[in-house]
Amino acid sequence: MKLYSKDGVEMMDVKSIDLDGDRLVIKGKMMGAMAATIHVAPVDMWAAFRLFSWRVKLRMPGLLLRGWLQERRAASG
């Protein structure tokens, strides 16, 4: 997964998201050069979830489905 700035500049290339106990561990490269391991605690996950508006929360299942379908089409074609 790649995260981009508003201008289309790649900010982070996420290589994996895993669990270490009750924390998320995100591994990747920042700005294409610096390896990074980010640890996210449950309280911070909840804080991040609260940043989403209700509109985004309600559309999230559809967005996930759309991404899954696009990935399947790309893999098969």
C-alpha atoms as a PDB file:
ATOM      1  CA  MET A   1       0.000   0.000   0.000  1.00  0.00           C
ATOM      2  CA  LYS A   2       1.320   3.432  -0.871  1.00  0.00           C
ATOM      3  CA  LEU A   3       0.378   6.666   0.850  1.00  0.00           C
ATOM      4  CA  TYR A   4       0.599   9.864  -1.199  1.00  0.00           C
ATOM      5  CA  SER A   5       0.543  13.572  -0.457  1.00  0.00           C
ATOM      6  CA  LYS A   6      -2.089  15.797  -2.028  1.00  0.00           C
ATOM      7  CA  ASP A   7       0.432  16.566  -4.790  1.00  0.00           C
ATOM      8  CA  GLY A   8       0.920  12.900  -5.669  1.00  0.00           C
ATOM      9  CA  VAL A   9       4.304  12.540  -3.954  1.00  0.00           C
ATOM     10  CA  GLU A  10       4.803   9.108  -2.389  1.00  0.00           C
ATOM     11  CA  MET A  11       5.080   9.616   1.360  1.00  0.00           C
ATOM     12  CA  MET A  12       5.173   6.008   2.561  1.00  0.00           C
ATOM     13  CA  ASP A  13       5.288   2.568   0.999  1.00  0.00           C
ATOM     14  CA  VAL A  14       3.717   0.229   3.569  1.00  0.00           C
ATOM     15  CA  LYS A  15       5.151  -3.284   3.289  1.00  0.00           C
ATOM     16  CA  SER A  16       3.288  -5.005   6.132  1.00  0.00           C
ATOM     17  CA  ILE A  17       0.776  -4.467   8.918  1.00  0.00           C
ATOM     18  CA  ASP A  18       0.877  -7.027  11.699  1.00  0.00           C
ATOM     19  CA  LEU A  19       0.064  -7.451  15.383  1.00  0.00           C
ATOM     20  CA  ASP A  20       2.515  -7.519  18.278  1.00  0.00           C
ATOM     21  CA  GLY A  21       0.390  -8.237  21.318  1.00  0.00           C
ATOM     22  CA  ASP A  22      -2.359  -5.612  21.201  1.00  0.00           C
ATOM     23  CA  ARG A  23      -0.426  -3.143  19.027  1.00  0.00           C
ATOM     24  CA  LEU A  24      -0.392  -2.755  15.257  1.00  0.00           C
ATOM     25  CA  VAL A  25       3.094  -2.850  13.772  1.00  0.00           C
ATOM     26  CA  ILE A  26       3.389  -1.091  10.412  1.00  0.00           C
ATOM     27  CA  LYS A  27       6.606  -1.598   8.432  1.00  0.00           C
ATOM     28  CA  GLY A  28       7.588   0.318   5.340  1.00  0.00           C
ATOM     29  CA  LYS A  29       9.713   3.033   3.788  1.00  0.00           C
ATOM     30  CA  MET A  30       9.208   6.737   4.371  1.00  0.00           C
ATOM     31  CA  MET A  31       9.804   9.061   1.423  1.00  0.00           C
ATOM     32  CA  GLY A  32      11.285   6.166  -0.563  1.00  0.00           C
ATOM     33  CA  ALA A  33      14.463   6.069   1.503  1.00  0.00           C
ATOM     34  CA  MET A  34      14.102   5.638   5.260  1.00  0.00           C
ATOM     35  CA  ALA A  35      12.953   2.285   6.658  1.00  0.00           C
ATOM     36  CA  ALA A  36      10.368   2.729   9.386  1.00  0.00           C
ATOM     37  CA  THR A  37       8.578   0.558  11.934  1.00  0.00           C
ATOM     38  CA  ILE A  38       5.547   2.226  13.471  1.00  0.00           C
ATOM     39  CA  HIS A  39       3.773   0.897  16.571  1.00  0.00           C
ATOM     40  CA  VAL A  40       0.133   1.904  17.095  1.00  0.00           C
ATOM     41  CA  ALA A  41      -1.519   1.332  20.485  1.00  0.00           C
ATOM     42  CA  PRO A  42      -5.241   0.510  20.808  1.00  0.00           C
ATOM     43  CA  VAL A  43      -6.011   3.950  22.248  1.00  0.00           C
ATOM     44  CA  ASP A  44      -4.393   5.542  19.174  1.00  0.00           C
ATOM     45  CA  MET A  45      -6.356   3.252  16.829  1.00  0.00           C
ATOM     46  CA  TRP A  46      -9.542   4.450  18.493  1.00  0.00           C
ATOM     47  CA  ALA A  47      -8.394   8.073  18.192  1.00  0.00           C
ATOM     48  CA  ALA A  48      -7.737   7.515  14.475  1.00  0.00           C
ATOM     49  CA  PHE A  49     -11.162   5.928  13.998  1.00  0.00           C
ATOM     50  CA  ARG A  50     -12.777   8.957  15.643  1.00  0.00           C
ATOM     51  CA  LEU A  51     -11.144  11.188  12.997  1.00  0.00           C
ATOM     52  CA  PHE A  52     -13.331   9.596  10.303  1.00  0.00           C
ATOM     53  CA  SER A  53     -16.603  11.406   9.736  1.00  0.00           C
ATOM     54  CA  TRP A  54     -19.834   9.380   9.865  1.00  0.00           C
ATOM     55  CA  ARG A  55     -20.067   9.765   6.095  1.00  0.00           C
ATOM     56  CA  VAL A  56     -16.674   8.059   5.673  1.00  0.00           C
ATOM     57  CA  LYS A  57     -17.499   5.341   8.223  1.00  0.00           C
ATOM     58  CA  LEU A  58     -20.731   4.516   6.402  1.00  0.00           C
ATOM     59  CA  ARG A  59     -19.001   4.388   2.997  1.00  0.00           C
ATOM     60  CA  MET A  60     -16.013   2.335   4.204  1.00  0.00           C
ATOM     61  CA  PRO A  61     -17.500  -1.126   3.426  1.00  0.00           C
ATOM     62  CA  GLY A  62     -18.259  -0.022  -0.139  1.00  0.00           C
ATOM     63  CA  LEU A  63     -14.790   1.479  -0.567  1.00  0.00           C
ATOM     64  CA  LEU A  64     -13.176  -1.743   0.673  1.00  0.00           C
ATOM     65  CA  LEU A  65     -15.313  -3.789  -1.731  1.00  0.00           C
ATOM     66  CA  ARG A  66     -14.408  -1.491  -4.638  1.00  0.00           C
ATOM     67  CA  GLY A  67     -10.691  -1.819  -3.832  1.00  0.00           C
ATOM     68  CA  TRP A  68     -10.970  -5.601  -3.602  1.00  0.00           C
ATOM     69  CA  LEU A  69     -12.759  -5.790  -6.968  1.00  0.00           C
ATOM     70  CA  GLN A  70     -10.184  -3.514  -8.643  1.00  0.00           C
ATOM     71  CA  GLU A  71      -7.337  -5.632  -7.270  1.00  0.00           C
ATOM     72  CA  ARG A  72      -8.990  -8.845  -8.549  1.00  0.00           C
ATOM     73  CA  ARG A  73      -9.467  -7.341 -12.023  1.00  0.00           C
ATOM     74  CA  ALA A  74      -5.853  -6.189 -12.137  1.00  0.00           C
ATOM     75  CA  ALA A  75      -4.588  -9.626 -11.073  1.00  0.00           C
ATOM     76  CA  SER A  76      -6.688 -11.496 -13.623  1.00  0.00           C
ATOM     77  CA  GLY A  77      -6.143  -9.176 -16.576  1.00  0.00           C
END
